C-alpha atoms as a PDB file:
ATOM      1  CA  MET A   1     101.366  33.635   2.914  1.00  0.00           C
ATOM      2  CA  ALA A   2     101.399  36.542   5.362  1.00  0.00           C
ATOM      3  CA  SER A   3     103.628  39.577   5.731  1.00  0.00           C
ATOM      4  CA  GLN A   4     101.817  41.313   8.597  1.00  0.00           C
ATOM      5  CA  SER A   5     102.981  40.691  12.136  1.00  0.00           C
ATOM      6  CA  ARG A   6     100.569  39.007  14.531  1.00  0.00           C
ATOM      7  CA  PRO A   7      99.858  40.794  17.840  1.00  0.00           C
ATOM      8  CA  GLY A   8     101.455  37.906  19.752  1.00  0.00           C
ATOM      9  CA  ALA A   9     104.710  38.059  17.821  1.00  0.00           C
ATOM     10  CA  ARG A  10     106.085  40.733  20.158  1.00  0.00           C
ATOM     11  CA  TYR A  11     105.033  39.020  23.380  1.00  0.00           C
ATOM     12  CA  HIS A  12     107.879  37.760  25.581  1.00  0.00           C
ATOM     13  CA  GLY A  13     108.076  35.937  28.904  1.00  0.00           C
ATOM     14  CA  ASP A  14     109.333  38.933  30.864  1.00  0.00           C
ATOM     15  CA  GLN A  15     105.861  40.435  30.486  1.00  0.00           C
ATOM     16  CA  ALA A  16     104.466  37.655  32.688  1.00  0.00           C
ATOM     17  CA  ALA A  17     106.703  38.047  35.741  1.00  0.00           C
ATOM     18  CA  ALA A  18     106.076  40.863  38.201  1.00  0.00           C
ATOM     19  CA  PRO A  19     108.684  41.736  40.857  1.00  0.00           C
ATOM     20  CA  GLY A  20     108.663  39.268  43.732  1.00  0.00           C
ATOM     21  CA  MET A  21     107.124  36.404  41.757  1.00  0.00           C
ATOM     22  CA  LEU A  22     108.706  32.990  41.463  1.00  0.00           C
ATOM     23  CA  ASP A  23     109.744  33.331  37.824  1.00  0.00           C
ATOM     24  CA  PHE A  24     109.456  30.346  35.495  1.00  0.00           C
ATOM     25  CA  ALA A  25     108.434  32.566  32.566  1.00  0.00           C
ATOM     26  CA  VAL A  26     111.871  33.936  31.652  1.00  0.00           C
ATOM     27  CA  ASN A  27     114.628  31.635  30.417  1.00  0.00           C
ATOM     28  CA  VAL A  28     117.571  33.633  31.798  1.00  0.00           C
ATOM     29  CA  ARG A  29     119.356  31.062  33.903  1.00  0.00           C
ATOM     30  CA  ALA A  30     120.178  33.068  37.056  1.00  0.00           C
ATOM     31  CA  ASP A  31     119.376  36.363  38.746  1.00  0.00           C
ATOM     32  CA  GLY A  32     122.722  37.850  37.739  1.00  0.00           C
ATOM     33  CA  PRO A  33     126.103  37.020  36.218  1.00  0.00           C
ATOM     34  CA  PRO A  34     128.753  35.192  38.264  1.00  0.00           C
ATOM     35  CA  SER A  35     131.089  37.277  40.395  1.00  0.00           C
ATOM     36  CA  TRP A  36     134.109  36.736  38.133  1.00  0.00           C
ATOM     37  CA  LEU A  37     132.167  38.135  35.185  1.00  0.00           C
ATOM     38  CA  VAL A  38     130.913  41.082  37.235  1.00  0.00           C
ATOM     39  CA  ASP A  39     134.540  41.793  38.152  1.00  0.00           C
ATOM     40  CA  ARG A  40     135.581  41.717  34.475  1.00  0.00           C
ATOM     41  CA  LEU A  41     132.825  44.138  33.536  1.00  0.00           C
ATOM     42  CA  THR A  42     133.428  46.396  36.517  1.00  0.00           C
ATOM     43  CA  ALA A  43     137.076  46.720  35.541  1.00  0.00           C
ATOM     44  CA  ARG A  44     135.974  48.205  32.218  1.00  0.00           C
ATOM     45  CA  MET A  45     133.645  50.837  33.686  1.00  0.00           C
ATOM     46  CA  ALA A  46     136.412  53.425  33.546  1.00  0.00           C
ATOM     47  CA  ASP A  47     136.490  52.944  29.754  1.00  0.00           C
ATOM     48  CA  LEU A  48     132.905  54.053  29.195  1.00  0.00           C
ATOM     49  CA  GLY A  49     134.076  57.537  28.361  1.00  0.00           C
ATOM     50  CA  ARG A  50     135.532  56.395  25.056  1.00  0.00           C
ATOM     51  CA  TYR A  51     134.159  54.644  22.020  1.00  0.00           C
ATOM     52  CA  PRO A  52     134.737  50.882  21.718  1.00  0.00           C
ATOM     53  CA  SER A  53     138.097  50.260  20.090  1.00  0.00           C
ATOM     54  CA  GLU A  54     138.933  48.071  17.140  1.00  0.00           C
ATOM     55  CA  ALA A  55     141.190  46.131  19.510  1.00  0.00           C
ATOM     56  CA  ASP A  56     138.203  45.364  21.786  1.00  0.00           C
ATOM     57  CA  GLU A  57     136.208  44.040  18.847  1.00  0.00           C
ATOM     58  CA  THR A  58     139.121  42.012  17.523  1.00  0.00           C
ATOM     59  CA  ARG A  59     139.683  40.381  20.920  1.00  0.00           C
ATOM     60  CA  ALA A  60     136.028  39.427  21.149  1.00  0.00           C
ATOM     61  CA  ARG A  61     135.827  38.052  17.609  1.00  0.00           C
ATOM     62  CA  THR A  62     139.073  36.131  18.086  1.00  0.00           C
ATOM     63  CA  ALA A  63     137.811  34.601  21.328  1.00  0.00           C
ATOM     64  CA  VAL A  64     134.545  33.515  19.718  1.00  0.00           C
ATOM     65  CA  ALA A  65     136.318  32.085  16.672  1.00  0.00           C
ATOM     66  CA  ALA A  66     138.715  30.109  18.852  1.00  0.00           C
ATOM     67  CA  ARG A  67     135.887  28.823  21.056  1.00  0.00           C
ATOM     68  CA  HIS A  68     134.097  27.287  18.055  1.00  0.00           C
ATOM     69  CA  GLY A  69     136.979  26.575  15.693  1.00  0.00           C
ATOM     70  CA  ARG A  70     135.896  29.127  13.083  1.00  0.00           C
ATOM     71  CA  SER A  71     137.768  31.800  11.158  1.00  0.00           C
ATOM     72  CA  VAL A  72     137.636  35.300  12.599  1.00  0.00           C
ATOM     73  CA  ASP A  73     136.092  36.627   9.378  1.00  0.00           C
ATOM     74  CA  GLU A  74     133.182  34.206   9.880  1.00  0.00           C
ATOM     75  CA  VAL A  75     132.158  35.903  13.167  1.00  0.00           C
ATOM     76  CA  ALA A  76     129.805  38.838  13.627  1.00  0.00           C
ATOM     77  CA  LEU A  77     129.251  40.128  17.158  1.00  0.00           C
ATOM     78  CA  LEU A  78     125.649  40.893  18.102  1.00  0.00           C
ATOM     79  CA  ALA A  79     123.805  42.881  20.733  1.00  0.00           C
ATOM     80  CA  GLY A  80     122.018  39.707  21.804  1.00  0.00           C
ATOM     81  CA  GLY A  81     121.039  36.837  19.571  1.00  0.00           C
ATOM     82  CA  ALA A  82     117.765  38.600  18.793  1.00  0.00           C
ATOM     83  CA  GLU A  83     119.679  41.319  16.942  1.00  0.00           C
ATOM     84  CA  GLY A  84     120.493  38.670  14.370  1.00  0.00           C
ATOM     85  CA  PHE A  85     116.785  38.345  13.621  1.00  0.00           C
ATOM     86  CA  ALA A  86     116.421  42.098  13.309  1.00  0.00           C
ATOM     87  CA  LEU A  87     119.153  41.990  10.652  1.00  0.00           C
ATOM     88  CA  LEU A  88     117.535  39.257   8.522  1.00  0.00           C
ATOM     89  CA  PRO A  89     115.681  41.711   6.239  1.00  0.00           C
ATOM     90  CA  ASN A  90     119.142  42.880   5.067  1.00  0.00           C
ATOM     91  CA  LEU A  91     119.375  39.560   3.208  1.00  0.00           C
ATOM     92  CA  ARG A  92     116.472  40.722   1.002  1.00  0.00           C
ATOM     93  CA  PRO A  93     114.594  37.403   1.028  1.00  0.00           C
ATOM     94  CA  ARG A  94     111.733  36.998  -1.423  1.00  0.00           C
ATOM     95  CA  SER A  95     109.920  34.448   0.732  1.00  0.00           C
ATOM     96  CA  ALA A  96     110.695  33.232   4.263  1.00  0.00           C
ATOM     97  CA  ALA A  97     109.676  29.959   5.886  1.00  0.00           C
ATOM     98  CA  LEU A  98     109.579  29.853   9.670  1.00  0.00           C
ATOM     99  CA  ILE A  99     109.585  26.478  11.380  1.00  0.00           C
ATOM    100  CA  ALA A 100     106.824  26.654  14.009  1.00  0.00           C
ATOM    101  CA  PRO A 101     106.134  26.616  16.897  1.00  0.00           C
ATOM    102  CA  SER A 102     109.197  28.781  17.440  1.00  0.00           C
ATOM    103  CA  PHE A 103     110.580  32.016  18.869  1.00  0.00           C
ATOM    104  CA  THR A 104     108.487  34.822  17.410  1.00  0.00           C
ATOM    105  CA  GLU A 105     111.119  37.531  16.940  1.00  0.00           C
ATOM    106  CA  PRO A 106     112.087  36.435  13.388  1.00  0.00           C
ATOM    107  CA  GLU A 107     108.428  36.666  12.417  1.00  0.00           C
ATOM    108  CA  ALA A 108     108.116  40.156  13.890  1.00  0.00           C
ATOM    109  CA  ALA A 109     111.273  41.447  12.179  1.00  0.00           C
ATOM    110  CA  LEU A 110     110.542  39.968   8.770  1.00  0.00           C
ATOM    111  CA  ALA A 111     106.876  40.955   8.802  1.00  0.00           C
ATOM    112  CA  ALA A 112     107.805  44.532   9.718  1.00  0.00           C
ATOM    113  CA  ALA A 113     110.058  44.579   6.637  1.00  0.00           C
ATOM    114  CA  GLY A 114     107.242  43.340   4.423  1.00  0.00           C
ATOM    115  CA  VAL A 115     108.792  39.940   3.717  1.00  0.00           C
ATOM    116  CA  PRO A 116     106.176  37.300   2.760  1.00  0.00           C
ATOM    117  CA  LEU A 117     106.084  34.620   5.476  1.00  0.00           C
ATOM    118  CA  HIS A 118     105.038  30.991   5.582  1.00  0.00           C
ATOM    119  CA  HIS A 119     104.791  29.140   8.899  1.00  0.00           C
ATOM    120  CA  VAL A 120     105.756  25.495   8.597  1.00  0.00           C
ATOM    121  CA  VAL A 121     103.737  24.178  11.532  1.00  0.00           C
ATOM    122  CA  LEU A 122     105.055  20.960  13.027  1.00  0.00           C
ATOM    123  CA  ALA A 123     102.635  18.609  14.756  1.00  0.00           C
ATOM    124  CA  PRO A 124     103.579  16.926  18.063  1.00  0.00           C
ATOM    125  CA  PRO A 125     106.241  15.780  18.805  1.00  0.00           C
ATOM    126  CA  TYR A 126     107.481  18.766  16.731  1.00  0.00           C
ATOM    127  CA  ARG A 127     110.211  17.019  14.720  1.00  0.00           C
ATOM    128  CA  LEU A 128     111.553  18.580  11.535  1.00  0.00           C
ATOM    129  CA  GLY A 129     110.716  15.590   9.371  1.00  0.00           C
ATOM    130  CA  ASP A 130     107.017  16.235   9.945  1.00  0.00           C
ATOM    131  CA  GLY A 131     106.996  19.604   8.140  1.00  0.00           C
ATOM    132  CA  VAL A 132     107.154  20.546   4.467  1.00  0.00           C
ATOM    133  CA  VAL A 133     109.055  23.718   3.589  1.00  0.00           C
ATOM    134  CA  PRO A 134     107.901  25.434   0.374  1.00  0.00           C
ATOM    135  CA  GLU A 135     110.523  24.963  -2.322  1.00  0.00           C
ATOM    136  CA  ASP A 136     110.399  28.644  -3.245  1.00  0.00           C
ATOM    137  CA  ALA A 137     111.400  29.787   0.252  1.00  0.00           C
ATOM    138  CA  ASP A 138     114.836  31.388  -0.042  1.00  0.00           C
ATOM    139  CA  LEU A 139     115.138  31.919   3.728  1.00  0.00           C
ATOM    140  CA  VAL A 140     114.351  29.294   6.368  1.00  0.00           C
ATOM    141  CA  VAL A 141     114.571  29.963  10.111  1.00  0.00           C
ATOM    142  CA  VAL A 142     114.662  27.170  12.688  1.00  0.00           C
ATOM    143  CA  GLY A 143     115.534  27.001  16.373  1.00  0.00           C
ATOM    144  CA  ASN A 144     117.797  24.271  17.743  1.00  0.00           C
ATOM    145  CA  PRO A 145     116.839  23.439  20.400  1.00  0.00           C
ATOM    146  CA  THR A 146     113.573  25.108  19.540  1.00  0.00           C
ATOM    147  CA  ASN A 147     111.862  27.614  21.793  1.00  0.00           C
ATOM    148  CA  PRO A 148     109.243  26.822  23.127  1.00  0.00           C
ATOM    149  CA  THR A 149     109.027  23.109  22.290  1.00  0.00           C
ATOM    150  CA  SER A 150     112.530  22.267  23.653  1.00  0.00           C
ATOM    151  CA  VAL A 151     113.023  19.817  20.767  1.00  0.00           C
ATOM    152  CA  LEU A 152     116.595  19.296  19.545  1.00  0.00           C
ATOM    153  CA  HIS A 153     116.843  18.605  15.812  1.00  0.00           C
ATOM    154  CA  THR A 154     119.690  16.584  14.351  1.00  0.00           C
ATOM    155  CA  ARG A 155     122.362  17.994  12.075  1.00  0.00           C
ATOM    156  CA  GLU A 156     121.062  15.730   9.329  1.00  0.00           C
ATOM    157  CA  GLN A 157     117.562  17.183   9.662  1.00  0.00           C
ATOM    158  CA  LEU A 158     118.950  20.705   9.484  1.00  0.00           C
ATOM    159  CA  ALA A 159     121.096  19.861   6.460  1.00  0.00           C
ATOM    160  CA  ALA A 160     117.991  18.554   4.677  1.00  0.00           C
ATOM    161  CA  LEU A 161     116.597  22.117   4.705  1.00  0.00           C
ATOM    162  CA  ARG A 162     119.367  23.393   2.425  1.00  0.00           C
ATOM    163  CA  ARG A 163     118.618  24.152  -1.222  1.00  0.00           C
ATOM    164  CA  PRO A 164     120.419  26.056  -3.999  1.00  0.00           C
ATOM    165  CA  GLY A 165     119.683  29.742  -3.592  1.00  0.00           C
ATOM    166  CA  ARG A 166     118.346  29.326  -0.039  1.00  0.00           C
ATOM    167  CA  ILE A 167     119.793  30.593   3.251  1.00  0.00           C
ATOM    168  CA  VAL A 168     119.117  28.572   6.384  1.00  0.00           C
ATOM    169  CA  VAL A 169     119.254  30.412   9.718  1.00  0.00           C
ATOM    170  CA  VAL A 170     119.697  28.227  12.802  1.00  0.00           C
ATOM    171  CA  ASP A 171     118.887  29.863  16.124  1.00  0.00           C
ATOM    172  CA  GLU A 172     121.166  28.221  18.686  1.00  0.00           C
ATOM    173  CA  ALA A 173     120.326  30.557  21.570  1.00  0.00           C
ATOM    174  CA  PHE A 174     120.048  27.573  23.938  1.00  0.00           C
ATOM    175  CA  ALA A 175     122.624  25.238  22.375  1.00  0.00           C
ATOM    176  CA  ASP A 176     125.126  25.737  25.189  1.00  0.00           C
ATOM    177  CA  ALA A 177     122.534  24.391  27.641  1.00  0.00           C
ATOM    178  CA  VAL A 178     122.710  20.979  25.945  1.00  0.00           C
ATOM    179  CA  PRO A 179     125.644  18.952  27.319  1.00  0.00           C
ATOM    180  CA  GLY A 180     128.310  18.597  24.642  1.00  0.00           C
ATOM    181  CA  GLU A 181     126.239  20.547  22.079  1.00  0.00           C
ATOM    182  CA  PRO A 182     125.905  17.378  19.956  1.00  0.00           C
ATOM    183  CA  GLU A 183     123.756  18.869  17.164  1.00  0.00           C
ATOM    184  CA  SER A 184     125.279  22.352  16.963  1.00  0.00           C
ATOM    185  CA  LEU A 185     126.336  23.700  13.572  1.00  0.00           C
ATOM    186  CA  ALA A 186     128.432  26.481  15.100  1.00  0.00           C
ATOM    187  CA  ALA A 187     131.723  24.768  14.243  1.00  0.00           C
ATOM    188  CA  GLN A 188     130.735  23.954  10.637  1.00  0.00           C
ATOM    189  CA  SER A 189     131.451  26.449   7.873  1.00  0.00           C
ATOM    190  CA  LEU A 190     128.622  26.056   5.369  1.00  0.00           C
ATOM    191  CA  PRO A 191     128.168  28.539   2.507  1.00  0.00           C
ATOM    192  CA  ASP A 192     124.429  28.960   2.972  1.00  0.00           C
ATOM    193  CA  VAL A 193     123.956  28.637   6.751  1.00  0.00           C
ATOM    194  CA  ILE A 194     123.880  31.362   9.395  1.00  0.00           C
ATOM    195  CA  VAL A 195     124.128  30.244  13.025  1.00  0.00           C
ATOM    196  CA  LEU A 196     122.970  32.648  15.721  1.00  0.00           C
ATOM    197  CA  ARG A 197     124.206  32.234  19.292  1.00  0.00           C
ATOM    198  CA  SER A 198     123.355  33.977  22.549  1.00  0.00           C
ATOM    199  CA  LEU A 199     125.308  34.415  25.772  1.00  0.00           C
ATOM    200  CA  THR A 200     122.446  36.256  27.455  1.00  0.00           C
ATOM    201  CA  LYS A 201     120.613  33.299  28.986  1.00  0.00           C
ATOM    202  CA  THR A 202     123.566  31.270  30.228  1.00  0.00           C
ATOM    203  CA  TRP A 203     125.416  34.164  31.851  1.00  0.00           C
ATOM    204  CA  ALA A 204     122.392  36.178  33.054  1.00  0.00           C
ATOM    205  CA  LEU A 205     123.195  39.168  30.849  1.00  0.00           C
ATOM    206  CA  ALA A 206     119.678  40.098  29.757  1.00  0.00           C
ATOM    207  CA  GLY A 207     120.341  43.695  30.761  1.00  0.00           C
ATOM    208  CA  LEU A 208     123.429  43.828  28.525  1.00  0.00           C
ATOM    209  CA  ARG A 209     122.428  41.708  25.473  1.00  0.00           C
ATOM    210  CA  VAL A 210     125.305  39.742  23.965  1.00  0.00           C
ATOM    211  CA  GLY A 211     125.609  37.168  21.221  1.00  0.00           C
ATOM    212  CA  TYR A 212     127.192  36.445  17.848  1.00  0.00           C
ATOM    213  CA  ALA A 213     126.600  34.987  14.417  1.00  0.00           C
ATOM    214  CA  PHE A 214     128.554  32.571  12.234  1.00  0.00           C
ATOM    215  CA  ALA A 215     128.488  32.523   8.444  1.00  0.00           C
ATOM    216  CA  PRO A 216     130.897  32.932   5.533  1.00  0.00           C
ATOM    217  CA  ALA A 217     132.311  36.471   5.403  1.00  0.00           C
ATOM    218  CA  ALA A 218     130.355  37.461   2.280  1.00  0.00           C
ATOM    219  CA  LEU A 219     127.078  36.361   3.862  1.00  0.00           C
ATOM    220  CA  LEU A 220     127.873  38.195   7.106  1.00  0.00           C
ATOM    221  CA  ASP A 221     128.600  41.323   5.065  1.00  0.00           C
ATOM    222  CA  ARG A 222     125.073  41.147   3.645  1.00  0.00           C
ATOM    223  CA  LEU A 223     123.556  40.463   7.056  1.00  0.00           C
ATOM    224  CA  THR A 224     125.278  43.384   8.789  1.00  0.00           C
ATOM    225  CA  ALA A 225     125.274  45.857   5.896  1.00  0.00           C
ATOM    226  CA  ARG A 226     123.032  48.460   7.547  1.00  0.00           C
ATOM    227  CA  ARG A 227     124.283  48.383  11.116  1.00  0.00           C
ATOM    228  CA  PRO A 228     125.287  51.639  12.784  1.00  0.00           C
ATOM    229  CA  HIS A 229     128.876  52.351  13.684  1.00  0.00           C
ATOM    230  CA  TRP A 230     129.897  50.903  17.092  1.00  0.00           C
ATOM    231  CA  PRO A 231     126.961  48.462  17.227  1.00  0.00           C
ATOM    232  CA  LEU A 232     128.246  47.020  20.525  1.00  0.00           C
ATOM    233  CA  GLY A 233     129.562  48.849  23.558  1.00  0.00           C
ATOM    234  CA  VAL A 234     132.690  48.274  25.618  1.00  0.00           C
ATOM    235  CA  LEU A 235     130.936  46.135  28.235  1.00  0.00           C
ATOM    236  CA  GLN A 236     129.268  43.950  25.617  1.00  0.00           C
ATOM    237  CA  LEU A 237     132.580  43.282  23.886  1.00  0.00           C
ATOM    238  CA  GLU A 238     134.235  42.497  27.205  1.00  0.00           C
ATOM    239  CA  ALA A 239     131.437  40.094  28.138  1.00  0.00           C
ATOM    240  CA  ILE A 240     131.728  38.227  24.840  1.00  0.00           C
ATOM    241  CA  THR A 241     135.499  37.915  25.261  1.00  0.00           C
ATOM    242  CA  ALA A 242     135.194  36.712  28.839  1.00  0.00           C
ATOM    243  CA  CYS A 243     132.393  34.202  28.221  1.00  0.00           C
ATOM    244  CA  SER A 244     134.223  32.669  25.250  1.00  0.00           C
ATOM    245  CA  ALA A 245     137.372  31.863  27.227  1.00  0.00           C
ATOM    246  CA  PRO A 246     138.117  28.166  27.869  1.00  0.00           C
ATOM    247  CA  ASP A 247     137.416  28.388  31.615  1.00  0.00           C
ATOM    248  CA  ALA A 248     134.044  30.007  30.968  1.00  0.00           C
ATOM    249  CA  VAL A 249     133.129  27.436  28.321  1.00  0.00           C
ATOM    250  CA  ALA A 250     133.976  24.646  30.768  1.00  0.00           C
ATOM    251  CA  GLU A 251     131.852  26.322  33.439  1.00  0.00           C
ATOM    252  CA  ALA A 252     128.929  26.601  31.021  1.00  0.00           C
ATOM    253  CA  ASP A 253     129.210  22.917  30.164  1.00  0.00           C
ATOM    254  CA  ARG A 254     129.155  21.963  33.845  1.00  0.00           C
ATOM    255  CA  GLY A 255     126.062  24.104  34.179  1.00  0.00           C
ATOM    256  CA  ALA A 256     124.489  22.293  31.233  1.00  0.00           C
ATOM    257  CA  GLN A 257     125.129  18.967  32.933  1.00  0.00           C
ATOM    258  CA  ARG A 258     123.388  20.207  36.089  1.00  0.00           C
ATOM    259  CA  LEU A 259     120.488  21.549  34.059  1.00  0.00           C
ATOM    260  CA  HIS A 260     120.101  18.209  32.291  1.00  0.00           C
ATOM    261  CA  GLN A 261     119.670  16.416  35.628  1.00  0.00           C
ATOM    262  CA  LEU A 262     117.450  19.145  37.034  1.00  0.00           C
ATOM    263  CA  ARG A 263     115.250  19.034  33.941  1.00  0.00           C
ATOM    264  CA  ALA A 264     114.753  15.295  34.322  1.00  0.00           C
ATOM    265  CA  GLU A 265     113.681  15.792  37.942  1.00  0.00           C
ATOM    266  CA  MET A 266     111.311  18.602  36.976  1.00  0.00           C
ATOM    267  CA  VAL A 267     109.743  16.524  34.193  1.00  0.00           C
ATOM    268  CA  ASP A 268     109.238  13.626  36.603  1.00  0.00           C
ATOM    269  CA  GLY A 269     107.548  15.999  39.035  1.00  0.00           C
ATOM    270  CA  LEU A 270     105.187  17.361  36.380  1.00  0.00           C
ATOM    271  CA  THR A 271     104.280  13.961  34.975  1.00  0.00           C
ATOM    272  CA  SER A 272     103.615  12.678  38.505  1.00  0.00           C
ATOM    273  CA  ILE A 273     100.592  14.998  38.745  1.00  0.00           C
ATOM    274  CA  GLY A 274      99.287  14.062  35.301  1.00  0.00           C
ATOM    275  CA  VAL A 275     100.853  16.812  33.188  1.00  0.00           C
ATOM    276  CA  ASP A 276     101.675  15.970  29.564  1.00  0.00           C
ATOM    277  CA  VAL A 277     105.284  17.108  28.927  1.00  0.00           C
ATOM    278  CA  VAL A 278     106.821  17.494  25.466  1.00  0.00           C
ATOM    279  CA  ASP A 279     110.007  15.468  25.126  1.00  0.00           C
ATOM    280  CA  GLY A 280     113.053  17.722  24.752  1.00  0.00           C
ATOM    281  CA  CYS A 281     116.344  18.829  26.225  1.00  0.00           C
ATOM    282  CA  ALA A 282     116.321  22.624  26.470  1.00  0.00           C
ATOM    283  CA  PRO A 283     116.488  24.559  29.772  1.00  0.00           C
ATOM    284  CA  PHE A 284     112.710  24.971  29.675  1.00  0.00           C
ATOM    285  CA  VAL A 285     109.750  22.602  29.576  1.00  0.00           C
ATOM    286  CA  LEU A 286     106.698  22.790  27.326  1.00  0.00           C
ATOM    287  CA  PHE A 287     103.688  21.060  28.825  1.00  0.00           C
ATOM    288  CA  ALA A 288      99.955  20.721  28.233  1.00  0.00           C
ATOM    289  CA  VAL A 289      97.109  21.012  30.715  1.00  0.00           C
ATOM    290  CA  GLU A 290      93.348  20.981  30.199  1.00  0.00           C
ATOM    291  CA  ASP A 291      92.969  24.768  30.365  1.00  0.00           C
ATOM    292  CA  ALA A 292      96.260  26.661  30.137  1.00  0.00           C
ATOM    293  CA  GLU A 293      94.787  30.105  30.776  1.00  0.00           C
ATOM    294  CA  LEU A 294      92.944  28.925  33.878  1.00  0.00           C
ATOM    295  CA  MET A 295      96.132  27.285  35.143  1.00  0.00           C
ATOM    296  CA  ARG A 296      98.209  30.363  34.370  1.00  0.00           C
ATOM    297  CA  LYS A 297      95.829  32.608  36.301  1.00  0.00           C
ATOM    298  CA  HIS A 298      95.848  30.199  39.233  1.00  0.00           C
ATOM    299  CA  LEU A 299      99.643  30.192  39.294  1.00  0.00           C
ATOM    300  CA  ASP A 300      99.719  33.959  38.953  1.00  0.00           C
ATOM    301  CA  GLY A 301      97.547  34.206  42.061  1.00  0.00           C
ATOM    302  CA  LYS A 302     100.033  32.000  43.883  1.00  0.00           C
ATOM    303  CA  GLY A 303     102.918  34.260  42.871  1.00  0.00           C
ATOM    304  CA  VAL A 304     104.260  31.848  40.261  1.00  0.00           C
ATOM    305  CA  ALA A 305     104.906  33.095  36.716  1.00  0.00           C
ATOM    306  CA  VAL A 306     104.908  30.786  33.686  1.00  0.00           C
ATOM    307  CA  ARG A 307     105.033  31.592  29.971  1.00  0.00           C
ATOM    308  CA  ARG A 308     101.729  31.574  28.090  1.00  0.00           C
ATOM    309  CA  CYS A 309     102.047  29.799  24.742  1.00  0.00           C
ATOM    310  CA  ASP A 310      98.984  30.826  22.764  1.00  0.00           C
ATOM    311  CA  THR A 311     101.178  33.541  21.206  1.00  0.00           C
ATOM    312  CA  PHE A 312     103.197  30.871  19.375  1.00  0.00           C
ATOM    313  CA  VAL A 313     101.971  29.754  15.956  1.00  0.00           C
ATOM    314  CA  GLY A 314     101.013  26.077  16.184  1.00  0.00           C
ATOM    315  CA  LEU A 315     100.157  25.913  19.887  1.00  0.00           C
ATOM    316  CA  ASP A 316      96.617  26.064  21.213  1.00  0.00           C
ATOM    317  CA  GLY A 317      95.153  26.930  24.603  1.00  0.00           C
ATOM    318  CA  GLN A 318      96.520  23.868  26.354  1.00  0.00           C
ATOM    319  CA  PHE A 319     100.198  24.743  26.533  1.00  0.00           C
ATOM    320  CA  LEU A 320     102.450  26.533  29.009  1.00  0.00           C
ATOM    321  CA  ARG A 321     106.236  26.841  29.195  1.00  0.00           C
ATOM    322  CA  ALA A 322     108.334  26.857  32.337  1.00  0.00           C
ATOM    323  CA  ALA A 323     112.044  27.456  32.765  1.00  0.00           C
ATOM    324  CA  VAL A 324     114.032  24.696  34.451  1.00  0.00           C
ATOM    325  CA  ARG A 325     114.772  25.942  37.965  1.00  0.00           C
ATOM    326  CA  PRO A 326     115.675  24.312  41.316  1.00  0.00           C
ATOM    327  CA  GLU A 327     112.414  25.723  42.698  1.00  0.00           C
ATOM    328  CA  TRP A 328     110.366  23.456  40.423  1.00  0.00           C
ATOM    329  CA  PRO A 329     108.673  21.637  43.378  1.00  0.00           C
ATOM    330  CA  ALA A 330     106.860  24.891  44.201  1.00  0.00           C
ATOM    331  CA  LEU A 331     105.501  24.996  40.643  1.00  0.00           C
ATOM    332  CA  VAL A 332     104.352  21.376  40.762  1.00  0.00           C
ATOM    333  CA  GLU A 333     102.754  21.850  44.187  1.00  0.00           C
ATOM    334  CA  ALA A 334     100.819  24.910  43.023  1.00  0.00           C
ATOM    335  CA  MET A 335      99.667  23.161  39.849  1.00  0.00           C
ATOM    336  CA  ALA A 336      98.562  20.049  41.742  1.00  0.00           C
ATOM    337  CA  GLU A 337      95.993  22.148  43.615  1.00  0.00           C
ATOM    338  CA  VAL A 338      93.842  22.499  40.478  1.00  0.00           C
ATOM    339  CA  MET A 339      94.758  19.418  38.465  1.00  0.00           C
ATOM    340  CA  PRO A 340      91.752  17.181  37.784  1.00  0.00           C
END
């Protein structure tokens, strides 16, 4: 069981994409937020001279609670979903189990705090039933759908992780990219489950960082105990309020429907040139080639950025990840040049 962070735990896709490249490495859905959201944020620029108000925070928490059918006291607003991982050491876990392959930020945060870690490495096709979580783990972290595998676990599989004295953290950063969010736990109030959500990817707000967490009030109090005053700014609170409104939620769901179709087309394109694609439903695709580093360098030379995956526990040198984008034919064409 390790408590030291691996060098790859702090690697992220934005490190792969240089300006001007065709970017499949970063999972932010668009180049920038929609015009209506820009207008909402612009209208608040005049308020940057004052501290965020309690009314701003209340509006945002109320909007999030209403969007998911939760109580307001079960909502904590976050500066991006990743802030939720940075707060996990506040729970004082004795032993953490991380379902792998998965997003590496929980590993980095917990290791930096000296928390003993155990990676529960799932074999292909990366389903939860194939892993064994140590019984003494009092904190379990799992992505749903999981980054980078794109696998969506069922609610029943997630519920099977619960144990007396254990907290289960479900990272739903990409849940709103799945049409209908069929396996989301965001609307369920469970005493030992924390759900982390992100608005960053869907609404192209990577430069602002917005998200939220759900859990019973007492558990949220433990999670957020050491946060500074005014942890979110005026624009972040406004973005959360705006993106949680019914019209925005409907727009996000329409976008998820389009992504679902686009993903199917992209997968067909990749498999047509002999690429082995992991079955999933997230807005990114994990696939295997004979030599991932050779392929990545070839694509880099063609001005196409993809996400290396050797930094994820449980993936070897055959895997790459690519965001689902309308420009996918350019990726497939470039890859076909060096496919055996």
